[in-house]
Structures are given as C-alpha cells and as structure tokens.
Amino acid sequence: MTDLAHPLWIEPWPLILASGSSSRASMLRAAGIPIEVVPADVDERAIEDVVSSSGAAADVIAKELAVAKAKAVSLVHPQRFVLGADQTLAVGSERLHKPSGLAAARRQLLGLREREHVLHSAAALVRDGEVVTTCLSTARLLMRAFSEEFLDRYLAQAGNAVTQSVGAYQLEGAGVHLFERVEGDHFTVLGLPLVPLLDILRRQGMVIA
C-alpha cells in the first residue's frame, strides 16, 4: 500500500538518521525520505584520532565516522535501517574541525582565504550493527580574496551558526559570498552525498526505482 505522505518510499519503517544535522534532515525530507532523527552519541575526535593514526586520508576518516555513528544507533534499533553521515575538510594534509566560537571561526576563515580546500561527505547505511554499504562524494572550493571588513560583517550576519559547520560557513546562506569557485555536488557541500545515497536506497528496495 502506498504511503500517501511519502509515495516514493516503500520501506515499512522510516529511515533512522544518526545525525543531529538540520541540513541533512532537510535534504532527506525534501527528497521524500521519511526519517526519524536519533543523533549518535560517539566521541568523534577519539575515533578520528584512532583512524588517522594509521595514516588514513580525510575521505577514509569521513567514512569511518559515518559508520561509527550508524552502528552506535543501530545497536539500539534492531531490524531498522540506520544512516550515519559525516564530513571532513582538508587543506592539503591539514584537517579542520568545527570552530569553537566566532573568534575561532574568524581565524579559520582567514586561513582559508585564497586557498582551495576539499570537503569529503560520507554516508553509511547500517542494519543490525552490520554495514550494508557506504558512499562518498567530494567537492573542491576556493575562497576568494575577501577583505577583513567583509569577514566581520559576514560573521555578524551569520552568527553562531558558523560553529555548526566544519568550514565555518553555510553555502546555502551568506557563506556563498566567501567563494570564488565551487567544484562538486551542492549536496556534498551541505554535508550529504545525496545522489549516490538515493541510488543505494533504490538498490536496497527502500525507494521505488
């Protein structure tokens, strides 16, 4: 029987999203995917430290974090499909994290000015603690030579929202003014490899093909 509220979704239960990201939730809902939001309680920095100690690149770290989040939630929601997601930002061999406040965001953005950085957005689909599959997409972004006056005005407008993003910006908002060039999928920049993820959901028989 077709769910009139979600006609493309044919799995009997909503997808569990193991992330508190409002952006990821909005993308999935806009694509017609019913979700239950259950943020994972994991120590992301500890996991990252373990994975990176083996010399893993930023894209591998993003996948491992997505898997860890999905597994943590899956263990307390048996028989349900759980989606974990993560995003890493790399500037050369350096990885950046969410800034701790506006002052840290300002320093981070000054460091990214006129430099290219890479965003890796990963997703992991898990059921009963077992990884069904993972996917990853990458975007390259070049910040323009903005003035410090612009930066201060941008931060005043964006406010504490910049601390919720690994790059200290939201491309869907005023953060778009920071850039000279963006190469890659828009959804990837927002934090979810949505197009390959939807293909996975179709192949799993969760979304009508």
Protein backbone atom coordinates (compact mmCIF):
# COMPACT_ATOMS: atom_id res chain seq x y z
CA MET A 1 0.00 0.00 0.00
CA THR A 2 1.40 3.39 -0.98
CA ASP A 3 2.20 5.84 1.80
CA LEU A 4 0.34 8.92 0.57
CA ALA A 5 2.65 11.20 2.56
CA HIS A 6 5.80 9.55 1.14
CA PRO A 7 4.84 7.95 -2.22
CA LEU A 8 8.45 7.21 -3.26
CA TRP A 9 9.30 5.38 -0.02
CA ILE A 10 8.38 1.68 0.11
CA GLU A 11 10.26 0.50 3.22
CA PRO A 12 7.70 -0.14 6.02
CA TRP A 13 9.62 1.98 8.56
CA PRO A 14 11.21 5.44 8.23
CA LEU A 15 14.95 5.71 7.82
CA ILE A 16 16.76 6.49 11.08
CA LEU A 17 19.20 9.38 10.70
CA ALA A 18 22.05 9.07 13.20
CA SER A 19 22.87 12.77 12.96
CA GLY A 20 21.59 15.94 14.56
CA SER A 21 22.34 17.97 11.43
CA SER A 22 19.29 20.00 10.42
CA SER A 23 20.78 20.36 6.93
CA ARG A 24 20.97 16.60 6.39
CA ALA A 25 17.48 16.11 7.75
CA SER A 26 16.13 18.83 5.45
CA MET A 27 17.80 17.32 2.38
CA LEU A 28 16.34 13.87 3.05
CA ARG A 29 12.86 15.17 3.79
CA ALA A 30 12.91 17.35 0.67
CA ALA A 31 13.79 14.23 -1.35
CA GLY A 32 10.71 12.48 0.03
CA ILE A 33 12.53 10.22 2.51
CA PRO A 34 10.73 9.82 5.86
CA ILE A 35 13.20 9.94 8.72
CA GLU A 36 13.49 9.60 12.46
CA VAL A 37 16.35 11.67 13.89
CA VAL A 38 18.40 9.85 16.53
CA PRO A 39 21.78 11.60 16.94
CA ALA A 40 24.63 9.21 17.67
CA ASP A 41 26.43 9.57 21.00
CA VAL A 42 30.01 8.86 19.94
CA ASP A 43 33.36 10.50 20.63
CA GLU A 44 34.14 11.71 17.14
CA ARG A 45 37.58 13.09 17.96
CA ALA A 46 38.66 9.84 19.63
CA ILE A 47 37.52 7.83 16.60
CA GLU A 48 39.26 10.25 14.27
CA ASP A 49 42.48 10.01 16.29
CA VAL A 50 42.48 6.21 16.04
CA VAL A 51 41.76 6.18 12.30
CA SER A 52 44.21 8.96 11.45
CA SER A 53 46.98 7.31 13.48
CA SER A 54 47.17 4.67 10.75
CA GLY A 55 47.79 7.39 8.16
CA ALA A 56 44.25 7.38 6.80
CA ALA A 57 43.27 10.22 4.47
CA ALA A 58 40.42 12.64 5.16
CA ASP A 59 37.94 10.75 2.95
CA VAL A 60 38.57 7.49 4.83
CA ILE A 61 38.11 9.27 8.15
CA ALA A 62 34.75 10.65 6.98
CA LYS A 63 33.57 7.13 6.06
CA GLU A 64 34.74 5.62 9.34
CA LEU A 65 32.97 8.31 11.35
CA ALA A 66 29.76 7.77 9.36
CA VAL A 67 29.97 4.02 10.02
CA ALA A 68 30.65 4.52 13.74
CA LYS A 69 27.65 6.81 14.13
CA ALA A 70 25.31 4.46 12.27
CA LYS A 71 26.50 1.39 14.18
CA ALA A 72 26.06 3.09 17.55
CA VAL A 73 22.42 3.90 16.82
CA SER A 74 21.73 0.62 15.03
CA LEU A 75 22.61 -1.41 18.11
CA VAL A 76 19.63 0.04 19.98
CA HIS A 77 17.24 -0.05 16.99
CA PRO A 78 17.24 -3.66 15.74
CA GLN A 79 15.91 -4.50 12.28
CA ARG A 80 15.90 -0.83 11.30
CA PHE A 81 17.96 0.81 8.58
CA VAL A 82 20.19 3.50 10.09
CA LEU A 83 22.02 6.21 8.15
CA GLY A 84 25.23 7.67 9.53
CA ALA A 85 26.92 10.66 7.90
CA ASP A 86 30.00 12.76 8.35
CA GLN A 87 32.00 15.43 6.57
CA THR A 88 35.71 16.22 6.75
CA LEU A 89 37.55 19.28 5.47
CA ALA A 90 41.13 19.10 4.27
CA VAL A 91 43.52 21.88 3.28
CA GLY A 92 46.42 19.97 1.82
CA SER A 93 47.41 17.48 4.53
CA GLU A 94 45.74 19.51 7.30
CA ARG A 95 42.23 18.71 8.56
CA LEU A 96 39.99 21.33 10.11
CA HIS A 97 37.16 20.91 12.60
CA LYS A 98 34.13 22.94 13.63
CA PRO A 99 35.31 26.21 15.20
CA SER A 100 34.71 26.58 18.92
CA GLY A 101 33.35 30.13 18.62
CA LEU A 102 33.21 33.24 16.43
CA ALA A 103 36.83 34.17 17.13
CA ALA A 104 37.99 30.70 16.09
CA ALA A 105 35.76 30.90 13.01
CA ARG A 106 37.35 34.20 12.04
CA ARG A 107 40.86 32.74 12.32
CA GLN A 108 39.84 29.68 10.35
CA LEU A 109 38.29 31.67 7.52
CA LEU A 110 41.33 33.93 7.29
CA GLY A 111 43.43 30.79 6.98
CA LEU A 112 41.22 29.52 4.14
CA ARG A 113 41.22 32.86 2.27
CA GLU A 114 42.58 32.49 -1.30
CA ARG A 115 43.19 28.77 -0.71
CA GLU A 116 41.48 25.68 -2.05
CA HIS A 117 40.04 23.18 0.39
CA VAL A 118 38.35 19.82 -0.09
CA LEU A 119 35.14 18.58 1.52
CA HIS A 120 34.51 14.84 1.79
CA SER A 121 30.92 13.91 2.62
CA ALA A 122 30.31 10.27 3.56
CA ALA A 123 27.26 8.19 4.38
CA ALA A 124 26.92 4.68 5.79
CA LEU A 125 23.81 2.50 5.77
CA VAL A 126 23.74 0.00 8.64
CA ARG A 127 21.24 -2.60 9.81
CA ASP A 128 21.52 -4.69 12.99
CA GLY A 129 25.05 -3.40 13.54
CA GLU A 130 26.26 -4.58 10.11
CA VAL A 131 27.34 -2.21 7.35
CA VAL A 132 25.10 -2.59 4.30
CA THR A 133 27.11 -0.15 2.20
CA THR A 134 28.83 3.23 2.22
CA CYS A 135 29.17 6.09 -0.25
CA LEU A 136 31.31 9.19 -0.54
CA SER A 137 31.43 12.34 -2.63
CA THR A 138 33.96 15.15 -2.78
CA ALA A 139 33.83 18.88 -3.54
CA ARG A 140 36.64 21.39 -4.06
CA LEU A 141 36.16 25.00 -3.06
CA LEU A 142 38.32 28.09 -3.48
CA MET A 143 37.75 31.07 -1.22
CA ARG A 144 38.15 34.49 -2.76
CA ALA A 145 40.37 37.35 -1.58
CA PHE A 146 37.73 38.86 0.71
CA SER A 147 38.50 41.84 2.95
CA GLU A 148 38.56 41.67 6.73
CA GLU A 149 35.72 44.19 6.79
CA PHE A 150 33.65 41.79 4.72
CA LEU A 151 34.59 38.93 7.04
CA ASP A 152 33.50 40.83 10.14
CA ARG A 153 30.18 41.76 8.53
CA TYR A 154 29.67 38.16 7.37
CA LEU A 155 30.27 36.81 10.86
CA ALA A 156 27.92 39.41 12.33
CA GLN A 157 25.19 38.27 9.95
CA ALA A 158 25.81 34.52 10.19
CA GLY A 159 26.29 34.49 13.97
CA ASN A 160 26.87 31.31 15.93
CA ALA A 161 25.57 29.20 13.05
CA VAL A 162 29.13 29.19 11.67
CA THR A 163 30.19 26.99 14.60
CA GLN A 164 27.89 24.22 13.34
CA SER A 165 29.85 23.77 10.11
CA VAL A 166 33.31 22.30 9.68
CA GLY A 167 34.18 25.14 7.27
CA ALA A 168 32.57 27.91 9.33
CA TYR A 169 30.11 28.66 6.54
CA GLN A 170 26.76 27.60 5.10
CA LEU A 171 26.89 27.70 1.32
CA GLU A 172 23.10 27.86 1.18
CA GLY A 173 23.21 31.15 3.08
CA ALA A 174 25.50 34.17 3.30
CA GLY A 175 28.52 31.86 3.20
CA VAL A 176 28.24 31.72 -0.58
CA HIS A 177 29.81 35.22 -0.64
CA LEU A 178 33.10 33.71 0.55
CA PHE A 179 33.81 31.81 -2.65
CA GLU A 180 35.48 32.31 -5.99
CA ARG A 181 34.93 28.76 -7.22
CA VAL A 182 32.94 25.70 -6.17
CA GLU A 183 33.51 22.38 -7.91
CA GLY A 184 31.28 19.50 -6.91
CA ASP A 185 27.79 18.48 -5.98
CA HIS A 186 25.81 21.04 -3.96
CA PHE A 187 24.55 18.33 -1.60
CA THR A 188 28.13 17.26 -0.92
CA VAL A 189 28.99 20.75 0.26
CA LEU A 190 25.93 20.72 2.53
CA GLY A 191 27.16 17.50 4.16
CA LEU A 192 25.49 14.51 2.48
CA PRO A 193 26.30 12.53 -0.70
CA LEU A 194 22.60 12.57 -1.53
CA VAL A 195 22.63 11.46 -5.18
CA PRO A 196 24.68 8.26 -4.63
CA LEU A 197 22.76 7.66 -1.40
CA LEU A 198 19.42 7.70 -3.21
CA ASP A 199 20.82 5.17 -5.69
CA ILE A 200 21.72 2.94 -2.76
CA LEU A 201 18.23 3.24 -1.28
CA ARG A 202 16.73 2.27 -4.65
CA ARG A 203 19.00 -0.76 -4.97
CA GLN A 204 18.07 -1.81 -1.44
CA GLY A 205 14.39 -1.70 -2.39
CA MET A 206 13.64 1.12 0.01
CA VAL A 207 12.74 3.69 -2.65
CA ILE A 208 10.80 2.93 -5.80
CA ALA A 209 13.06 2.71 -8.86
